[in-house]
Amino acid sequence: MLVAPARVPATRRLAATLYGYAFLTDLVLLYPLYVLLFADTGLSVGQISSLFVLWAAAGIVLEVPSGVWADAVSRRLLLCLAPLLAAAGFALWVLLPSYPAFAAGFLLWGAGGALRSGALEALVFTELQRLGAADRYARLIGRTRTAEVLGAVGSGVLAGPVFALGGYLAVGAASVAACLLAAAVAARFPEHRRPPAAPVPAVDDDEPGWLDSLRLGLREVRADRRVRAAVLLVAAVTAIWGGLDEYTGLLAADTGMAEVGVPLLLLLVWAGMTVGGLLAPLGERLSHRGYAGLLVFAAAATAAGALLRHPAGFVLLAAAFAAFQLATVLADVRLQARITGSARATVTSAAGMATDLTIVAFYAGYGLLAGAVGNPAAFAVAVLPYLLVALWLLTGRA
């Protein structure tokens, strides 16, 4: 589909705003250092783990309500509020370093992530659809994921020098500044809402609008098998490799690489994720069989790279994570294309909640598995479910 020349500037503005927002949202210099901050404050490993649980719980509990709110009120408003909540949490961490402050910060950060999830994808797809450029969604979201990775890489590069200059206070101030800039960029998002195509009759005239949005979203997931399958596919594709990403540092250490070289191996993985996001337009051409093959390749490359127990294995891991990133973008594209109702953010948030629940279960399972067989073998076993997902795709039920 061609985009009318008069609409090209609007599409470019949307894209530029999206990339800037994604980059700034992940340009948080506390990312590489917050565990050290917790440890330096005197927290035990058990206390730090409990903070991660709080973080995940906040996202799970607020995921769908925030999507409903985005559909009922304003997606742009939620995108503005999300980084402000994160900024408040980071400020608490460096100004009042203590377990209660860290817990409150994680709750705020988790709430901010929930506000952003669903609202961002829904806003972008709706605006592209309005401009007659819905076919560009995969390209934009793929590049958005790349911008997020570049933001994380930037935080890793800058965190050390900034910490050397001013310690945790300087790193925290820089993180808050990035969040404030992200909120300012979010205010530039265009938002043109249309009335629901099939509103649900209200039982009570005084009933809030968000209840209608909730009904519309849940009804679409229940009634449309294709939407329900797309929601499940997002969770199935995203959760495992998203969880494994948190353990790549431990896997790198298990290769015998010195600590100073571990960040270089992680940089290789991030480079793979960057390439995967950029390949989204080409990935749209994949058939069901091709998509299934992509998942099988990613799982095999992950297992082989991990079991190699050598730094060279990270070349395979980078290729695997490129494929996983591409598969994740394509799963989101499939979901957005199948949603037909007005409660787009609600349905997308349902997929996000399913992903979060799966990741929490994965964390628990991986901890037990890695403790028994080690990280390399745990990586290889963890990706086996992708073979089942590939088989599901080949049956045509997804």
Protein backbone atom coordinates (compact mmCIF):
# COMPACT_ATOMS: atom_id res chain seq x y z
CA MET A 1 0.00 0.00 0.00
CA LEU A 2 1.37 3.40 -0.97
CA VAL A 3 1.30 6.30 1.45
CA ALA A 4 -0.11 9.51 -0.03
CA PRO A 5 2.61 12.20 -0.35
CA ALA A 6 0.68 14.57 1.92
CA ARG A 7 0.74 11.93 4.64
CA VAL A 8 4.45 11.12 4.43
CA PRO A 9 5.45 13.93 6.85
CA ALA A 10 2.90 12.67 9.38
CA THR A 11 4.29 9.13 9.12
CA ARG A 12 7.84 10.39 9.49
CA ARG A 13 6.92 12.46 12.52
CA LEU A 14 5.29 9.44 14.13
CA ALA A 15 8.37 7.32 13.40
CA ALA A 16 10.82 9.90 14.73
CA THR A 17 8.80 10.36 17.91
CA LEU A 18 8.54 6.61 18.37
CA TYR A 19 12.28 5.98 17.95
CA GLY A 20 13.23 8.85 20.25
CA TYR A 21 10.81 7.68 22.91
CA ALA A 22 12.05 4.09 22.74
CA PHE A 23 15.71 5.14 22.93
CA LEU A 24 15.24 7.48 25.89
CA THR A 25 13.05 5.01 27.76
CA ASP A 26 15.94 2.52 27.84
CA LEU A 27 18.74 5.07 28.23
CA VAL A 28 18.69 4.50 32.00
CA LEU A 29 22.21 4.58 33.42
CA LEU A 30 21.04 2.76 36.54
CA TYR A 31 20.38 -0.39 34.49
CA PRO A 32 23.93 -1.80 34.74
CA LEU A 33 24.43 -0.65 38.34
CA TYR A 34 21.23 -0.97 40.33
CA VAL A 35 22.05 -4.44 41.65
CA LEU A 36 25.36 -3.06 42.92
CA LEU A 37 23.49 -0.17 44.55
CA PHE A 38 21.26 -2.65 46.38
CA ALA A 39 24.23 -4.74 47.51
CA ASP A 40 26.21 -1.69 48.63
CA THR A 41 23.21 -0.62 50.70
CA GLY A 42 23.42 -3.95 52.53
CA LEU A 43 20.63 -5.96 50.92
CA SER A 44 20.96 -9.74 50.85
CA VAL A 45 20.48 -11.85 47.72
CA GLY A 46 17.08 -12.91 49.08
CA GLN A 47 15.99 -9.31 49.55
CA ILE A 48 17.16 -8.39 46.04
CA SER A 49 15.21 -11.35 44.61
CA SER A 50 12.11 -10.20 46.47
CA LEU A 51 12.43 -6.82 44.76
CA PHE A 52 12.39 -8.52 41.35
CA VAL A 53 9.22 -10.35 42.36
CA LEU A 54 7.58 -7.04 43.34
CA TRP A 55 8.63 -5.57 40.00
CA ALA A 56 7.09 -8.44 38.05
CA ALA A 57 3.96 -8.47 40.20
CA ALA A 58 3.31 -4.76 39.60
CA GLY A 59 3.44 -5.31 35.85
CA ILE A 60 1.16 -8.35 35.95
CA VAL A 61 -1.50 -6.73 38.16
CA LEU A 62 -1.60 -3.45 36.24
CA GLU A 63 -1.09 -4.72 32.68
CA VAL A 64 -4.71 -5.20 31.62
CA PRO A 65 -6.19 -2.31 33.69
CA SER A 66 -3.69 0.07 32.11
CA GLY A 67 -4.64 -1.16 28.64
CA VAL A 68 -8.30 -0.60 29.42
CA TRP A 69 -7.47 2.89 30.68
CA ALA A 70 -5.54 3.63 27.49
CA ASP A 71 -8.52 2.62 25.35
CA ALA A 72 -11.00 4.56 27.49
CA VAL A 73 -9.00 7.77 28.05
CA SER A 74 -5.81 8.49 26.11
CA ARG A 75 -2.93 6.32 24.98
CA ARG A 76 -0.67 9.35 24.64
CA LEU A 77 -1.41 10.37 28.23
CA LEU A 78 -0.28 6.97 29.51
CA LEU A 79 2.89 7.13 27.40
CA CYS A 80 3.68 10.47 29.05
CA LEU A 81 2.98 9.20 32.56
CA ALA A 82 4.99 5.96 32.22
CA PRO A 83 8.50 7.48 32.27
CA LEU A 84 7.48 9.95 34.99
CA LEU A 85 6.62 7.05 37.30
CA ALA A 86 9.96 5.42 36.52
CA ALA A 87 11.77 8.72 37.19
CA ALA A 88 10.12 8.99 40.60
CA GLY A 89 11.23 5.46 41.41
CA PHE A 90 14.85 6.07 40.38
CA ALA A 91 14.93 9.29 42.43
CA LEU A 92 13.80 7.35 45.50
CA TRP A 93 16.59 4.82 44.99
CA VAL A 94 19.44 7.32 45.04
CA LEU A 95 18.01 9.85 47.50
CA LEU A 96 16.73 7.38 50.12
CA PRO A 97 18.66 4.14 49.55
CA SER A 98 16.89 1.53 51.67
CA TYR A 99 14.78 -1.57 51.15
CA PRO A 100 11.42 0.30 51.42
CA ALA A 101 12.60 2.91 48.90
CA PHE A 102 13.86 0.22 46.52
CA ALA A 103 10.55 -1.63 46.82
CA ALA A 104 8.56 1.54 46.15
CA GLY A 105 10.81 2.33 43.20
CA PHE A 106 10.26 -1.08 41.65
CA LEU A 107 6.49 -0.75 42.09
CA LEU A 108 6.61 2.63 40.32
CA TRP A 109 8.87 1.26 37.58
CA GLY A 110 6.62 -1.76 37.09
CA ALA A 111 3.55 0.48 36.94
CA GLY A 112 5.26 2.65 34.34
CA GLY A 113 6.07 -0.38 32.21
CA ALA A 114 2.45 -1.52 32.42
CA LEU A 115 1.20 1.92 31.33
CA ARG A 116 3.49 1.83 28.30
CA SER A 117 2.77 -1.77 27.30
CA GLY A 118 -0.22 -2.05 25.01
CA ALA A 119 -0.76 1.69 24.74
CA LEU A 120 2.33 2.18 22.56
CA GLU A 121 1.56 -0.56 20.06
CA ALA A 122 -2.12 0.41 19.90
CA LEU A 123 -1.38 4.09 19.31
CA VAL A 124 1.19 3.40 16.59
CA PHE A 125 -0.98 0.90 14.69
CA THR A 126 -4.09 3.08 14.93
CA GLU A 127 -2.24 6.15 13.64
CA LEU A 128 -0.67 4.21 10.77
CA GLN A 129 -4.07 2.76 9.91
CA ARG A 130 -5.54 6.27 9.83
CA LEU A 131 -2.76 7.36 7.48
CA GLY A 132 -3.28 4.38 5.18
CA ALA A 133 0.16 3.03 6.13
CA ALA A 134 -0.65 0.04 8.35
CA ASP A 135 1.71 -2.05 6.21
CA ARG A 136 4.61 -0.05 7.69
CA TYR A 137 3.87 -1.21 11.24
CA ALA A 138 6.39 -4.07 11.17
CA ARG A 139 9.14 -1.75 9.94
CA LEU A 140 8.44 0.85 12.64
CA ILE A 141 8.12 -1.61 15.51
CA GLY A 142 11.23 -3.48 14.38
CA ARG A 143 13.22 -0.26 14.40
CA THR A 144 11.67 0.64 17.74
CA ARG A 145 13.04 -2.55 19.28
CA THR A 146 16.43 -1.64 17.80
CA ALA A 147 16.20 1.84 19.35
CA GLU A 148 15.48 0.23 22.73
CA VAL A 149 18.53 -1.99 22.43
CA LEU A 150 20.68 1.00 21.45
CA GLY A 151 19.38 2.86 24.50
CA ALA A 152 20.41 -0.05 26.73
CA VAL A 153 23.82 -0.19 25.04
CA GLY A 154 24.20 3.55 25.57
CA SER A 155 23.41 3.17 29.26
CA GLY A 156 26.09 0.50 29.54
CA VAL A 157 28.66 2.71 27.84
CA LEU A 158 27.87 5.86 29.84
CA ALA A 159 27.19 4.37 33.27
CA GLY A 160 30.85 3.80 34.15
CA PRO A 161 32.17 7.29 33.36
CA VAL A 162 29.18 9.02 34.98
CA PHE A 163 29.53 6.87 38.09
CA ALA A 164 33.24 7.72 38.27
CA LEU A 165 32.35 11.42 38.19
CA GLY A 166 29.53 11.51 40.73
CA GLY A 167 28.68 8.06 42.07
CA TYR A 168 25.15 6.71 42.32
CA LEU A 169 23.69 10.21 42.71
CA ALA A 170 25.02 11.28 39.31
CA VAL A 171 23.89 8.04 37.66
CA GLY A 172 20.45 8.45 39.24
CA ALA A 173 20.19 12.07 38.10
CA ALA A 174 21.07 11.08 34.54
CA SER A 175 18.45 8.31 34.63
CA VAL A 176 15.77 10.71 35.86
CA ALA A 177 16.74 13.22 33.16
CA ALA A 178 16.36 10.57 30.44
CA CYS A 179 12.90 9.68 31.75
CA LEU A 180 11.82 13.32 31.80
CA LEU A 181 13.00 13.72 28.21
CA ALA A 182 11.06 10.59 27.25
CA ALA A 183 7.90 12.07 28.76
CA ALA A 184 8.45 15.28 26.79
CA VAL A 185 8.91 13.31 23.57
CA ALA A 186 5.75 11.30 24.29
CA ALA A 187 3.75 14.53 24.32
CA ARG A 188 4.53 14.80 20.58
CA PHE A 189 2.74 11.57 19.71
CA PRO A 190 -0.29 12.18 17.48
CA GLU A 191 -3.52 10.62 18.67
CA HIS A 192 -6.73 10.50 16.68
CA ARG A 193 -9.35 8.29 18.30
CA ARG A 194 -12.45 6.95 16.66
CA PRO A 195 -15.65 5.87 18.43
CA PRO A 196 -16.08 2.13 19.03
CA ALA A 197 -17.50 0.31 16.03
CA ALA A 198 -19.63 -1.96 18.19
CA PRO A 199 -20.16 -0.44 21.61
CA VAL A 200 -21.36 -2.66 24.43
CA PRO A 201 -24.68 -1.45 25.85
CA ALA A 202 -24.18 -0.13 29.35
CA VAL A 203 -26.12 -1.76 32.15
CA ASP A 204 -26.07 1.47 34.05
CA ASP A 205 -26.00 4.90 32.45
CA ASP A 206 -23.53 6.06 35.09
CA GLU A 207 -21.12 3.22 34.38
CA PRO A 208 -17.53 4.37 33.63
CA GLY A 209 -16.28 4.12 30.04
CA TRP A 210 -13.34 1.89 30.96
CA LEU A 211 -15.75 -0.96 31.75
CA ASP A 212 -16.97 -0.84 28.17
CA SER A 213 -13.38 -0.97 26.95
CA LEU A 214 -12.69 -3.95 29.17
CA ARG A 215 -15.74 -5.81 27.88
CA LEU A 216 -14.89 -5.04 24.27
CA GLY A 217 -11.31 -6.23 24.63
CA LEU A 218 -12.07 -9.42 26.55
CA ARG A 219 -15.00 -10.21 24.27
CA GLU A 220 -12.77 -9.96 21.21
CA VAL A 221 -10.19 -12.31 22.74
CA ARG A 222 -12.89 -14.83 23.73
CA ALA A 223 -14.97 -14.67 20.56
CA ASP A 224 -12.27 -14.52 17.88
CA ARG A 225 -10.10 -17.64 17.78
CA ARG A 226 -7.55 -15.93 15.54
CA VAL A 227 -7.07 -13.07 18.03
CA ARG A 228 -6.83 -15.51 20.92
CA ALA A 229 -4.20 -17.54 19.06
CA ALA A 230 -2.23 -14.37 18.32
CA VAL A 231 -2.30 -13.37 22.01
CA LEU A 232 -0.96 -16.80 22.99
CA LEU A 233 1.69 -16.67 20.26
CA VAL A 234 3.04 -13.37 21.58
CA ALA A 235 3.46 -14.89 25.04
CA ALA A 236 4.90 -18.17 23.75
CA VAL A 237 7.48 -16.49 21.52
CA THR A 238 8.50 -13.63 23.79
CA ALA A 239 8.68 -15.05 27.30
CA ILE A 240 11.43 -17.69 27.16
CA TRP A 241 14.09 -15.81 25.25
CA GLY A 242 13.14 -12.63 27.14
CA GLY A 243 13.85 -14.51 30.36
CA LEU A 244 17.07 -16.05 29.04
CA ASP A 245 18.35 -12.58 28.20
CA GLU A 246 18.67 -11.89 31.93
CA TYR A 247 21.05 -14.85 32.31
CA THR A 248 23.39 -14.24 29.36
CA GLY A 249 25.91 -12.59 31.67
CA LEU A 250 26.11 -15.76 33.78
CA LEU A 251 26.43 -17.86 30.63
CA ALA A 252 29.27 -15.63 29.43
CA ALA A 253 31.09 -16.10 32.73
CA ASP A 254 30.71 -19.88 32.37
CA THR A 255 32.70 -19.78 29.12
CA GLY A 256 35.84 -18.91 31.07
CA MET A 257 35.94 -15.36 29.72
CA ALA A 258 37.53 -12.87 32.12
CA GLU A 259 35.14 -10.37 33.72
CA VAL A 260 36.50 -7.55 31.57
CA GLY A 261 35.50 -9.47 28.43
CA VAL A 262 31.97 -10.39 29.49
CA PRO A 263 30.48 -7.04 28.37
CA LEU A 264 31.95 -7.64 24.90
CA LEU A 265 30.11 -10.94 24.61
CA LEU A 266 26.90 -9.27 25.75
CA LEU A 267 27.47 -6.52 23.18
CA LEU A 268 27.55 -9.25 20.53
CA VAL A 269 24.14 -10.49 21.68
CA TRP A 270 22.75 -6.95 21.66
CA ALA A 271 24.06 -6.51 18.12
CA GLY A 272 22.13 -9.61 17.10
CA MET A 273 18.96 -8.24 18.65
CA THR A 274 19.51 -4.98 16.75
CA VAL A 275 19.79 -6.82 13.44
CA GLY A 276 16.69 -8.86 14.22
CA GLY A 277 14.59 -5.74 14.69
CA LEU A 278 15.81 -4.26 11.42
CA LEU A 279 14.91 -7.43 9.50
CA ALA A 280 11.19 -7.06 10.32
CA PRO A 281 10.10 -5.87 6.82
CA LEU A 282 11.74 -8.94 5.25
CA GLY A 283 10.33 -11.19 7.94
CA GLU A 284 6.78 -10.23 6.99
CA ARG A 285 7.22 -12.33 3.85
CA LEU A 286 7.63 -15.53 5.88
CA SER A 287 4.90 -18.13 5.57
CA HIS A 288 3.65 -20.18 8.55
CA ARG A 289 6.27 -22.77 7.65
CA GLY A 290 8.98 -20.13 7.36
CA TYR A 291 8.04 -18.63 10.73
CA ALA A 292 8.13 -22.07 12.34
CA GLY A 293 11.54 -22.65 10.77
CA LEU A 294 12.75 -19.34 12.21
CA LEU A 295 11.85 -20.50 15.72
CA VAL A 296 13.50 -23.90 15.21
CA PHE A 297 16.68 -22.19 13.97
CA ALA A 298 16.70 -19.80 16.94
CA ALA A 299 16.22 -22.64 19.44
CA ALA A 300 18.91 -24.80 17.82
CA ALA A 301 21.40 -21.93 17.65
CA THR A 302 20.75 -21.05 21.31
CA ALA A 303 21.30 -24.64 22.44
CA ALA A 304 24.41 -25.09 20.31
CA GLY A 305 25.92 -21.77 21.36
CA ALA A 306 25.32 -22.44 25.05
CA LEU A 307 26.55 -26.04 25.01
CA LEU A 308 29.74 -25.01 23.21
CA ARG A 309 30.88 -23.51 26.53
CA HIS A 310 33.24 -21.20 24.65
CA PRO A 311 33.16 -17.47 23.84
CA ALA A 312 32.77 -18.40 20.17
CA GLY A 313 29.37 -19.82 21.07
CA PHE A 314 28.12 -16.28 21.51
CA VAL A 315 28.25 -15.83 17.74
CA LEU A 316 25.55 -18.51 17.53
CA LEU A 317 23.74 -16.93 20.46
CA ALA A 318 23.75 -13.55 18.69
CA ALA A 319 22.24 -15.16 15.59
CA ALA A 320 19.63 -16.88 17.76
CA PHE A 321 18.64 -13.67 19.51
CA ALA A 322 18.39 -11.89 16.16
CA ALA A 323 15.90 -14.56 15.09
CA PHE A 324 14.02 -14.34 18.39
CA GLN A 325 13.78 -10.56 18.14
CA LEU A 326 12.43 -10.87 14.60
CA ALA A 327 9.95 -13.54 15.68
CA THR A 328 8.74 -11.34 18.54
CA VAL A 329 8.14 -8.37 16.24
CA LEU A 330 6.28 -10.58 13.77
CA ALA A 331 4.10 -12.02 16.55
CA ASP A 332 3.13 -8.47 17.54
CA VAL A 333 2.44 -7.58 13.91
CA ARG A 334 0.17 -10.61 13.59
CA LEU A 335 -1.73 -9.63 16.74
CA GLN A 336 -2.25 -6.01 15.67
CA ALA A 337 -3.43 -7.08 12.22
CA ARG A 338 -6.06 -9.40 13.70
CA ILE A 339 -7.54 -6.93 16.20
CA THR A 340 -10.60 -5.30 14.65
CA GLY A 341 -12.31 -3.67 17.64
CA SER A 342 -11.62 -0.34 19.31
CA ALA A 343 -10.13 -1.88 22.49
CA ARG A 344 -6.75 -2.45 20.84
CA ALA A 345 -4.66 -1.51 23.88
CA THR A 346 -6.72 -3.80 26.11
CA VAL A 347 -6.16 -6.81 23.86
CA THR A 348 -2.46 -5.98 23.50
CA SER A 349 -2.13 -5.65 27.26
CA ALA A 350 -3.74 -9.07 27.66
CA ALA A 351 -0.91 -10.45 25.54
CA GLY A 352 1.55 -8.54 27.73
CA MET A 353 0.07 -9.99 30.90
CA ALA A 354 0.24 -13.51 29.47
CA THR A 355 3.90 -12.87 28.64
CA ASP A 356 4.66 -11.56 32.14
CA LEU A 357 3.00 -14.54 33.80
CA THR A 358 4.98 -16.91 31.59
CA ILE A 359 8.23 -15.11 32.37
CA VAL A 360 7.64 -15.34 36.13
CA ALA A 361 7.06 -19.09 35.79
CA PHE A 362 10.16 -19.31 33.63
CA TYR A 363 12.31 -17.55 36.24
CA ALA A 364 11.26 -20.05 38.88
CA GLY A 365 11.84 -23.04 36.60
CA TYR A 366 15.15 -21.78 35.28
CA GLY A 367 16.50 -21.18 38.77
CA LEU A 368 15.83 -24.79 39.74
CA LEU A 369 17.13 -26.17 36.44
CA ALA A 370 20.34 -24.12 36.36
CA GLY A 371 21.04 -25.02 39.98
CA ALA A 372 20.87 -28.70 39.04
CA VAL A 373 22.59 -28.84 35.63
CA GLY A 374 24.33 -25.45 35.17
CA ASN A 375 23.62 -22.53 32.86
CA PRO A 376 24.72 -24.03 29.50
CA ALA A 377 22.49 -27.10 29.85
CA ALA A 378 19.66 -24.99 31.26
CA PHE A 379 19.79 -22.72 28.18
CA ALA A 380 19.56 -25.77 25.91
CA VAL A 381 16.61 -27.28 27.79
CA ALA A 382 14.79 -23.94 28.15
CA VAL A 383 14.38 -23.46 24.38
CA LEU A 384 12.79 -26.89 23.78
CA PRO A 385 9.22 -25.44 24.07
CA TYR A 386 9.92 -23.48 20.87
CA LEU A 387 9.79 -26.79 18.99
CA LEU A 388 6.22 -27.24 20.23
CA VAL A 389 5.36 -23.68 19.18
CA ALA A 390 6.78 -24.40 15.73
CA LEU A 391 4.67 -27.57 15.49
CA TRP A 392 1.61 -25.55 16.55
CA LEU A 393 2.30 -23.07 13.75
CA LEU A 394 2.64 -25.88 11.21
CA THR A 395 -0.83 -27.15 12.11
CA GLY A 396 -2.24 -23.80 10.99
CA ARG A 397 -4.04 -23.19 14.29
CA ALA A 398 -1.99 -20.11 15.15
